[in-house]
Amino acid sequence: MMKEQAIEYLQLLNPNKDITRMFKKGVRIGIYGSSFDPITNVHLWTASTVAHRKKLDYIIFLPSIGKARRDKTLQTQDKHREEMVKMAIANNPKFILDTYEMTVLPEKQYTYYTMEYFRNVFKDAEVFFIMGADLLVDIANGKWRMDEELITCNQFIVMARNGIDMLEAISHSPLLRNNDDGRFQLLDKGLAMEISSTYIRQEFARGGEPQYLLPESCYQYIKENNLYEKIVR
């Protein structure tokens, strides 16, 4: 994608935000992928904490692929997840929506290709893949496709998870420890607040009240569109 096309595409998704600054030399951008089904206040707090602690200029919220996803069944149509993310981040100029993974071809579904795409779009920026320590363990255990290409070509911000020793995960993996040259930035948020999207979906389906676990605009959107009325297993 050419620079002009990328600016136009991102500006349509993120009206009233300064997209052109993302293409300046030395800008630091974090890629934050999730199903966002729905986006929660913890997602927003996590992104804000990462941006502040790691001095990132932007966080790209990247809703994951829907129907073709291999590891889980998503409950909500892509258009609803996209709209909720857009509403949730509307007032933060550092938070940017990108729907790249929602339209990616099946053969390009791996994280390596996603990061290759963003490195090519933001050629003058430092681009970081944001992930939880549980995913670091999965990579260490050989569960990711194209893991060597992913690790050797990218920088990572890894968020702590309860019960996971990140340094141990790196040291026990030949791939990770032999690429531990500063590309893994480990981060403990300092507060274990892991309210999941699954929990919120269950609360909606069972008549609970999760109103204050997600942005008010998203809560109202879910109500108006009758989302999460049933539990999808």
C-alpha atoms as a PDB file:
ATOM      1  CA  MET A   1       0.000   0.000   0.000  1.00  0.00           C
ATOM      2  CA  MET A   2       1.348   3.418  -1.026  1.00  0.00           C
ATOM      3  CA  LYS A   3       1.732   6.113   1.622  1.00  0.00           C
ATOM      4  CA  GLU A   4      -1.065   8.255   0.152  1.00  0.00           C
ATOM      5  CA  GLN A   5      -3.428   5.263   0.045  1.00  0.00           C
ATOM      6  CA  ALA A   6      -2.577   4.329   3.617  1.00  0.00           C
ATOM      7  CA  ILE A   7      -3.246   7.861   4.879  1.00  0.00           C
ATOM      8  CA  GLU A   8      -6.608   7.981   3.079  1.00  0.00           C
ATOM      9  CA  TYR A   9      -7.592   4.526   4.382  1.00  0.00           C
ATOM     10  CA  LEU A  10      -6.642   5.273   7.993  1.00  0.00           C
ATOM     11  CA  GLN A  11      -8.221   8.729   7.896  1.00  0.00           C
ATOM     12  CA  LEU A  12     -11.565   7.216   6.858  1.00  0.00           C
ATOM     13  CA  LEU A  13     -11.405   4.834   9.809  1.00  0.00           C
ATOM     14  CA  ASN A  14     -10.180   7.534  12.195  1.00  0.00           C
ATOM     15  CA  PRO A  15     -11.819  10.877  11.395  1.00  0.00           C
ATOM     16  CA  ASN A  16     -10.495  13.969  13.191  1.00  0.00           C
ATOM     17  CA  LYS A  17      -7.153  12.342  14.020  1.00  0.00           C
ATOM     18  CA  ASP A  18      -3.697  13.394  12.792  1.00  0.00           C
ATOM     19  CA  ILE A  19      -2.851  10.386  10.622  1.00  0.00           C
ATOM     20  CA  THR A  20      -0.068  12.086   8.664  1.00  0.00           C
ATOM     21  CA  ARG A  21       2.120  12.288  11.790  1.00  0.00           C
ATOM     22  CA  MET A  22       2.246   8.486  11.913  1.00  0.00           C
ATOM     23  CA  PHE A  23       4.457   8.564   8.822  1.00  0.00           C
ATOM     24  CA  LYS A  24       7.132  10.856  10.259  1.00  0.00           C
ATOM     25  CA  LYS A  25      10.606   9.468  10.931  1.00  0.00           C
ATOM     26  CA  GLY A  26      11.198   8.015  14.380  1.00  0.00           C
ATOM     27  CA  VAL A  27       7.539   7.659  15.373  1.00  0.00           C
ATOM     28  CA  ARG A  28       6.969   4.706  17.723  1.00  0.00           C
ATOM     29  CA  ILE A  29       3.896   2.579  16.988  1.00  0.00           C
ATOM     30  CA  GLY A  30       2.514  -0.399  18.902  1.00  0.00           C
ATOM     31  CA  ILE A  31       0.325  -3.012  17.195  1.00  0.00           C
ATOM     32  CA  TYR A  32      -2.336  -4.259  19.609  1.00  0.00           C
ATOM     33  CA  GLY A  33      -4.328  -7.137  18.184  1.00  0.00           C
ATOM     34  CA  SER A  34      -7.303  -8.833  19.810  1.00  0.00           C
ATOM     35  CA  SER A  35     -10.770 -10.086  18.958  1.00  0.00           C
ATOM     36  CA  PHE A  36     -12.246  -7.053  20.789  1.00  0.00           C
ATOM     37  CA  ASP A  37     -15.482  -9.023  21.108  1.00  0.00           C
ATOM     38  CA  PRO A  38     -16.286  -6.624  22.727  1.00  0.00           C
ATOM     39  CA  ILE A  39     -13.571  -4.101  23.517  1.00  0.00           C
ATOM     40  CA  THR A  40     -13.331  -3.531  27.276  1.00  0.00           C
ATOM     41  CA  ASN A  41     -12.056  -0.859  29.636  1.00  0.00           C
ATOM     42  CA  VAL A  42      -9.124  -3.157  30.388  1.00  0.00           C
ATOM     43  CA  HIS A  43      -8.114  -3.128  26.722  1.00  0.00           C
ATOM     44  CA  LEU A  44      -8.075   0.674  26.840  1.00  0.00           C
ATOM     45  CA  TRP A  45      -6.238   0.840  30.155  1.00  0.00           C
ATOM     46  CA  THR A  46      -3.668  -1.673  28.910  1.00  0.00           C
ATOM     47  CA  ALA A  47      -3.045   0.299  25.722  1.00  0.00           C
ATOM     48  CA  SER A  48      -2.719   3.543  27.661  1.00  0.00           C
ATOM     49  CA  THR A  49      -0.274   1.980  30.114  1.00  0.00           C
ATOM     50  CA  VAL A  50       1.869   0.492  27.350  1.00  0.00           C
ATOM     51  CA  ALA A  51       1.927   3.767  25.424  1.00  0.00           C
ATOM     52  CA  HIS A  52       2.954   5.710  28.523  1.00  0.00           C
ATOM     53  CA  ARG A  53       5.547   3.294  29.861  1.00  0.00           C
ATOM     54  CA  LYS A  54       7.155   2.483  26.493  1.00  0.00           C
ATOM     55  CA  LYS A  55       6.917   6.008  25.094  1.00  0.00           C
ATOM     56  CA  LEU A  56       4.793   5.020  22.100  1.00  0.00           C
ATOM     57  CA  ASP A  57       3.308   7.740  19.921  1.00  0.00           C
ATOM     58  CA  TYR A  58       0.461   5.579  18.657  1.00  0.00           C
ATOM     59  CA  ILE A  59      -1.305   2.317  19.442  1.00  0.00           C
ATOM     60  CA  ILE A  60      -3.013   0.618  16.508  1.00  0.00           C
ATOM     61  CA  PHE A  61      -6.055  -1.379  17.603  1.00  0.00           C
ATOM     62  CA  LEU A  62      -6.233  -4.348  15.252  1.00  0.00           C
ATOM     63  CA  PRO A  63      -9.438  -6.408  15.458  1.00  0.00           C
ATOM     64  CA  SER A  64      -8.575  -9.965  14.508  1.00  0.00           C
ATOM     65  CA  ILE A  65      -9.920 -11.923  11.587  1.00  0.00           C
ATOM     66  CA  GLY A  66     -13.438 -13.233  12.110  1.00  0.00           C
ATOM     67  CA  LYS A  67     -14.867 -16.242  10.278  1.00  0.00           C
ATOM     68  CA  ALA A  68     -11.560 -17.849   9.364  1.00  0.00           C
ATOM     69  CA  ARG A  69     -10.010 -17.609  12.812  1.00  0.00           C
ATOM     70  CA  ARG A  70      -8.508 -20.949  13.856  1.00  0.00           C
ATOM     71  CA  ASP A  71      -8.231 -20.684  17.635  1.00  0.00           C
ATOM     72  CA  LYS A  72     -11.680 -19.409  18.611  1.00  0.00           C
ATOM     73  CA  THR A  73     -15.181 -18.705  17.344  1.00  0.00           C
ATOM     74  CA  LEU A  74     -16.037 -15.025  17.353  1.00  0.00           C
ATOM     75  CA  GLN A  75     -19.587 -14.206  18.320  1.00  0.00           C
ATOM     76  CA  THR A  76     -20.033 -10.809  16.683  1.00  0.00           C
ATOM     77  CA  GLN A  77     -19.940  -9.706  13.068  1.00  0.00           C
ATOM     78  CA  ASP A  78     -16.876  -7.764  12.006  1.00  0.00           C
ATOM     79  CA  LYS A  79     -18.901  -4.584  11.402  1.00  0.00           C
ATOM     80  CA  HIS A  80     -20.018  -4.514  15.038  1.00  0.00           C
ATOM     81  CA  ARG A  81     -16.542  -5.148  16.460  1.00  0.00           C
ATOM     82  CA  GLU A  82     -15.116  -2.458  14.182  1.00  0.00           C
ATOM     83  CA  GLU A  83     -17.755   0.064  15.207  1.00  0.00           C
ATOM     84  CA  MET A  84     -17.284  -0.594  18.930  1.00  0.00           C
ATOM     85  CA  VAL A  85     -13.510  -0.127  18.699  1.00  0.00           C
ATOM     86  CA  LYS A  86     -14.024   3.072  16.713  1.00  0.00           C
ATOM     87  CA  MET A  87     -16.360   4.454  19.387  1.00  0.00           C
ATOM     88  CA  ALA A  88     -14.161   3.347  22.283  1.00  0.00           C
ATOM     89  CA  ILE A  89     -11.011   5.077  21.017  1.00  0.00           C
ATOM     90  CA  ALA A  90     -12.603   8.133  19.404  1.00  0.00           C
ATOM     91  CA  ASN A  91     -11.393  10.618  22.021  1.00  0.00           C
ATOM     92  CA  ASN A  92      -7.770   9.481  22.270  1.00  0.00           C
ATOM     93  CA  PRO A  93      -5.553  10.890  19.480  1.00  0.00           C
ATOM     94  CA  LYS A  94      -2.925   8.178  20.132  1.00  0.00           C
ATOM     95  CA  PHE A  95      -5.362   5.309  19.549  1.00  0.00           C
ATOM     96  CA  ILE A  96      -5.883   4.290  15.907  1.00  0.00           C
ATOM     97  CA  LEU A  97      -8.193   1.678  14.374  1.00  0.00           C
ATOM     98  CA  ASP A  98      -6.949  -0.520  11.539  1.00  0.00           C
ATOM     99  CA  THR A  99      -9.086  -3.297  10.028  1.00  0.00           C
ATOM    100  CA  TYR A 100      -6.305  -4.969   8.032  1.00  0.00           C
ATOM    101  CA  GLU A 101      -6.762  -8.416   9.587  1.00  0.00           C
ATOM    102  CA  MET A 102     -10.505  -8.439   8.943  1.00  0.00           C
ATOM    103  CA  THR A 103      -9.899  -8.557   5.187  1.00  0.00           C
ATOM    104  CA  VAL A 104      -6.611 -10.452   4.952  1.00  0.00           C
ATOM    105  CA  LEU A 105      -6.386 -13.424   2.612  1.00  0.00           C
ATOM    106  CA  PRO A 106      -6.337 -16.886   4.277  1.00  0.00           C
ATOM    107  CA  GLU A 107      -2.699 -17.517   3.334  1.00  0.00           C
ATOM    108  CA  LYS A 108      -1.704 -14.232   5.001  1.00  0.00           C
ATOM    109  CA  GLN A 109      -3.343 -14.860   8.385  1.00  0.00           C
ATOM    110  CA  TYR A 110      -0.119 -15.303  10.322  1.00  0.00           C
ATOM    111  CA  THR A 111       1.264 -12.583  12.601  1.00  0.00           C
ATOM    112  CA  TYR A 112       4.501 -12.521  10.611  1.00  0.00           C
ATOM    113  CA  TYR A 113       2.615 -11.230   7.572  1.00  0.00           C
ATOM    114  CA  THR A 114       0.653  -8.735   9.653  1.00  0.00           C
ATOM    115  CA  MET A 115       3.848  -7.223  11.027  1.00  0.00           C
ATOM    116  CA  GLU A 116       5.470  -7.277   7.598  1.00  0.00           C
ATOM    117  CA  TYR A 117       2.499  -5.257   6.335  1.00  0.00           C
ATOM    118  CA  PHE A 118       2.839  -2.626   9.071  1.00  0.00           C
ATOM    119  CA  ARG A 119       6.615  -2.363   8.683  1.00  0.00           C
ATOM    120  CA  ASN A 120       6.079  -1.684   4.972  1.00  0.00           C
ATOM    121  CA  VAL A 121       3.343   0.894   5.591  1.00  0.00           C
ATOM    122  CA  PHE A 122       5.267   2.735   8.321  1.00  0.00           C
ATOM    123  CA  LYS A 123       8.746   2.524   6.831  1.00  0.00           C
ATOM    124  CA  ASP A 124      10.200   5.354   8.952  1.00  0.00           C
ATOM    125  CA  ALA A 125       8.653   4.261  12.262  1.00  0.00           C
ATOM    126  CA  GLU A 126       9.660   1.874  15.000  1.00  0.00           C
ATOM    127  CA  VAL A 127       6.926  -0.761  15.070  1.00  0.00           C
ATOM    128  CA  PHE A 128       6.320  -3.054  18.053  1.00  0.00           C
ATOM    129  CA  PHE A 129       4.066  -6.094  18.399  1.00  0.00           C
ATOM    130  CA  ILE A 130       2.227  -5.947  21.729  1.00  0.00           C
ATOM    131  CA  MET A 131       1.389  -9.323  23.257  1.00  0.00           C
ATOM    132  CA  GLY A 132       0.782 -11.066  26.546  1.00  0.00           C
ATOM    133  CA  ALA A 133       3.285 -13.365  28.227  1.00  0.00           C
ATOM    134  CA  ASP A 134       1.000 -16.321  27.461  1.00  0.00           C
ATOM    135  CA  LEU A 135       1.686 -15.805  23.759  1.00  0.00           C
ATOM    136  CA  LEU A 136       5.412 -15.605  24.458  1.00  0.00           C
ATOM    137  CA  VAL A 137       5.141 -19.043  26.066  1.00  0.00           C
ATOM    138  CA  ASP A 138       3.234 -20.370  23.054  1.00  0.00           C
ATOM    139  CA  ILE A 139       5.997 -19.145  20.736  1.00  0.00           C
ATOM    140  CA  ALA A 140       8.611 -20.707  23.022  1.00  0.00           C
ATOM    141  CA  ASN A 141       6.727 -24.007  22.792  1.00  0.00           C
ATOM    142  CA  GLY A 142       6.669 -23.933  18.990  1.00  0.00           C
ATOM    143  CA  LYS A 143       2.920 -23.316  18.634  1.00  0.00           C
ATOM    144  CA  TRP A 144       3.171 -20.394  16.188  1.00  0.00           C
ATOM    145  CA  ARG A 145       3.627 -20.695  12.431  1.00  0.00           C
ATOM    146  CA  MET A 146       6.562 -18.810  10.916  1.00  0.00           C
ATOM    147  CA  ASP A 147       7.855 -18.196  14.449  1.00  0.00           C
ATOM    148  CA  GLU A 148      11.514 -17.779  13.464  1.00  0.00           C
ATOM    149  CA  GLU A 149      10.702 -15.225  10.761  1.00  0.00           C
ATOM    150  CA  LEU A 150       8.409 -13.358  13.173  1.00  0.00           C
ATOM    151  CA  ILE A 151      10.977 -13.176  15.971  1.00  0.00           C
ATOM    152  CA  THR A 152      14.003 -12.249  13.880  1.00  0.00           C
ATOM    153  CA  CYS A 153      12.250  -9.440  11.998  1.00  0.00           C
ATOM    154  CA  ASN A 154      10.339  -7.641  14.770  1.00  0.00           C
ATOM    155  CA  GLN A 155      10.388  -5.908  18.141  1.00  0.00           C
ATOM    156  CA  PHE A 156       8.029  -6.902  20.937  1.00  0.00           C
ATOM    157  CA  ILE A 157       6.400  -5.452  24.034  1.00  0.00           C
ATOM    158  CA  VAL A 158       5.422  -8.356  26.279  1.00  0.00           C
ATOM    159  CA  MET A 159       2.911  -7.818  29.083  1.00  0.00           C
ATOM    160  CA  ALA A 160       3.164  -9.884  32.249  1.00  0.00           C
ATOM    161  CA  ARG A 161       0.557 -12.534  33.055  1.00  0.00           C
ATOM    162  CA  ASN A 162      -0.044 -14.073  36.460  1.00  0.00           C
ATOM    163  CA  GLY A 163       2.010 -17.213  36.980  1.00  0.00           C
ATOM    164  CA  ILE A 164       4.275 -16.750  33.951  1.00  0.00           C
ATOM    165  CA  ASP A 165       7.997 -16.075  34.316  1.00  0.00           C
ATOM    166  CA  MET A 166       8.849 -14.188  31.130  1.00  0.00           C
ATOM    167  CA  LEU A 167      12.614 -14.431  31.584  1.00  0.00           C
ATOM    168  CA  GLU A 168      12.328 -18.171  32.110  1.00  0.00           C
ATOM    169  CA  ALA A 169      10.209 -18.544  28.975  1.00  0.00           C
ATOM    170  CA  ILE A 170      12.878 -16.747  26.961  1.00  0.00           C
ATOM    171  CA  SER A 171      15.801 -18.630  28.485  1.00  0.00           C
ATOM    172  CA  HIS A 172      14.216 -22.062  27.888  1.00  0.00           C
ATOM    173  CA  SER A 173      13.629 -21.413  24.177  1.00  0.00           C
ATOM    174  CA  PRO A 174      16.617 -21.602  21.785  1.00  0.00           C
ATOM    175  CA  LEU A 175      14.768 -19.318  19.349  1.00  0.00           C
ATOM    176  CA  LEU A 176      13.927 -16.660  21.930  1.00  0.00           C
ATOM    177  CA  ARG A 177      17.156 -16.648  23.929  1.00  0.00           C
ATOM    178  CA  ASN A 178      19.321 -16.422  20.803  1.00  0.00           C
ATOM    179  CA  ASN A 179      17.351 -13.386  19.687  1.00  0.00           C
ATOM    180  CA  ASP A 180      17.228 -11.727  23.099  1.00  0.00           C
ATOM    181  CA  ASP A 181      19.151  -8.670  21.949  1.00  0.00           C
ATOM    182  CA  GLY A 182      16.779  -6.056  23.282  1.00  0.00           C
ATOM    183  CA  ARG A 183      13.885  -6.860  20.979  1.00  0.00           C
ATOM    184  CA  PHE A 184      11.795  -8.153  23.904  1.00  0.00           C
ATOM    185  CA  GLN A 185      10.634  -5.297  26.132  1.00  0.00           C
ATOM    186  CA  LEU A 186       9.023  -6.866  29.187  1.00  0.00           C
ATOM    187  CA  LEU A 187       6.340  -4.925  31.009  1.00  0.00           C
ATOM    188  CA  ASP A 188       4.494  -5.546  34.252  1.00  0.00           C
ATOM    189  CA  LYS A 189       1.457  -3.274  34.370  1.00  0.00           C
ATOM    190  CA  GLY A 190       1.647  -3.293  38.162  1.00  0.00           C
ATOM    191  CA  LEU A 191      -1.988  -4.270  38.596  1.00  0.00           C
ATOM    192  CA  ALA A 192      -3.658  -7.549  37.688  1.00  0.00           C
ATOM    193  CA  MET A 193      -6.915  -6.452  36.114  1.00  0.00           C
ATOM    194  CA  GLU A 194      -7.915  -9.141  33.660  1.00  0.00           C
ATOM    195  CA  ILE A 195     -11.612  -8.612  32.924  1.00  0.00           C
ATOM    196  CA  SER A 196     -12.162 -10.615  29.759  1.00  0.00           C
ATOM    197  CA  SER A 197     -14.465 -10.087  26.820  1.00  0.00           C
ATOM    198  CA  THR A 198     -15.735 -13.618  27.478  1.00  0.00           C
ATOM    199  CA  TYR A 199     -16.901 -12.582  30.954  1.00  0.00           C
ATOM    200  CA  ILE A 200     -18.741  -9.568  29.552  1.00  0.00           C
ATOM    201  CA  ARG A 201     -20.453 -11.662  26.861  1.00  0.00           C
ATOM    202  CA  GLN A 202     -21.571 -14.138  29.503  1.00  0.00           C
ATOM    203  CA  GLU A 203     -22.952 -11.357  31.686  1.00  0.00           C
ATOM    204  CA  PHE A 204     -25.015  -9.945  28.818  1.00  0.00           C
ATOM    205  CA  ALA A 205     -26.310 -13.407  27.883  1.00  0.00           C
ATOM    206  CA  ARG A 206     -27.263 -14.332  31.453  1.00  0.00           C
ATOM    207  CA  GLY A 207     -28.936 -11.073  32.362  1.00  0.00           C
ATOM    208  CA  GLY A 208     -25.979  -9.666  34.310  1.00  0.00           C
ATOM    209  CA  GLU A 209     -24.911  -6.026  34.430  1.00  0.00           C
ATOM    210  CA  PRO A 210     -21.433  -5.417  32.948  1.00  0.00           C
ATOM    211  CA  GLN A 211     -22.103  -1.746  32.197  1.00  0.00           C
ATOM    212  CA  TYR A 212     -19.016  -0.365  33.919  1.00  0.00           C
ATOM    213  CA  LEU A 213     -16.606  -2.926  32.448  1.00  0.00           C
ATOM    214  CA  LEU A 214     -16.646  -1.381  28.974  1.00  0.00           C
ATOM    215  CA  PRO A 215     -17.046   2.093  27.470  1.00  0.00           C
ATOM    216  CA  GLU A 216     -20.548   3.518  27.840  1.00  0.00           C
ATOM    217  CA  SER A 217     -20.874   4.053  24.089  1.00  0.00           C
ATOM    218  CA  CYS A 218     -20.135   0.370  23.495  1.00  0.00           C
ATOM    219  CA  TYR A 219     -22.528  -0.729  26.223  1.00  0.00           C
ATOM    220  CA  GLN A 220     -25.341   1.252  24.610  1.00  0.00           C
ATOM    221  CA  TYR A 221     -24.392  -0.036  21.145  1.00  0.00           C
ATOM    222  CA  ILE A 222     -24.610  -3.640  22.377  1.00  0.00           C
ATOM    223  CA  LYS A 223     -28.028  -2.985  23.870  1.00  0.00           C
ATOM    224  CA  GLU A 224     -29.339  -1.218  20.763  1.00  0.00           C
ATOM    225  CA  ASN A 225     -28.114  -3.983  18.430  1.00  0.00           C
ATOM    226  CA  ASN A 226     -29.130  -6.890  20.670  1.00  0.00           C
ATOM    227  CA  LEU A 227     -25.620  -8.329  20.746  1.00  0.00           C
ATOM    228  CA  TYR A 228     -24.485 -11.163  23.050  1.00  0.00           C
ATOM    229  CA  GLU A 229     -28.000 -12.353  23.843  1.00  0.00           C
ATOM    230  CA  LYS A 230     -26.834 -15.965  23.640  1.00  0.00           C
ATOM    231  CA  ILE A 231     -23.619 -17.699  24.670  1.00  0.00           C
ATOM    232  CA  VAL A 232     -21.717 -19.123  21.709  1.00  0.00           C
ATOM    233  CA  ARG A 233     -19.453 -21.951  22.807  1.00  0.00           C
END
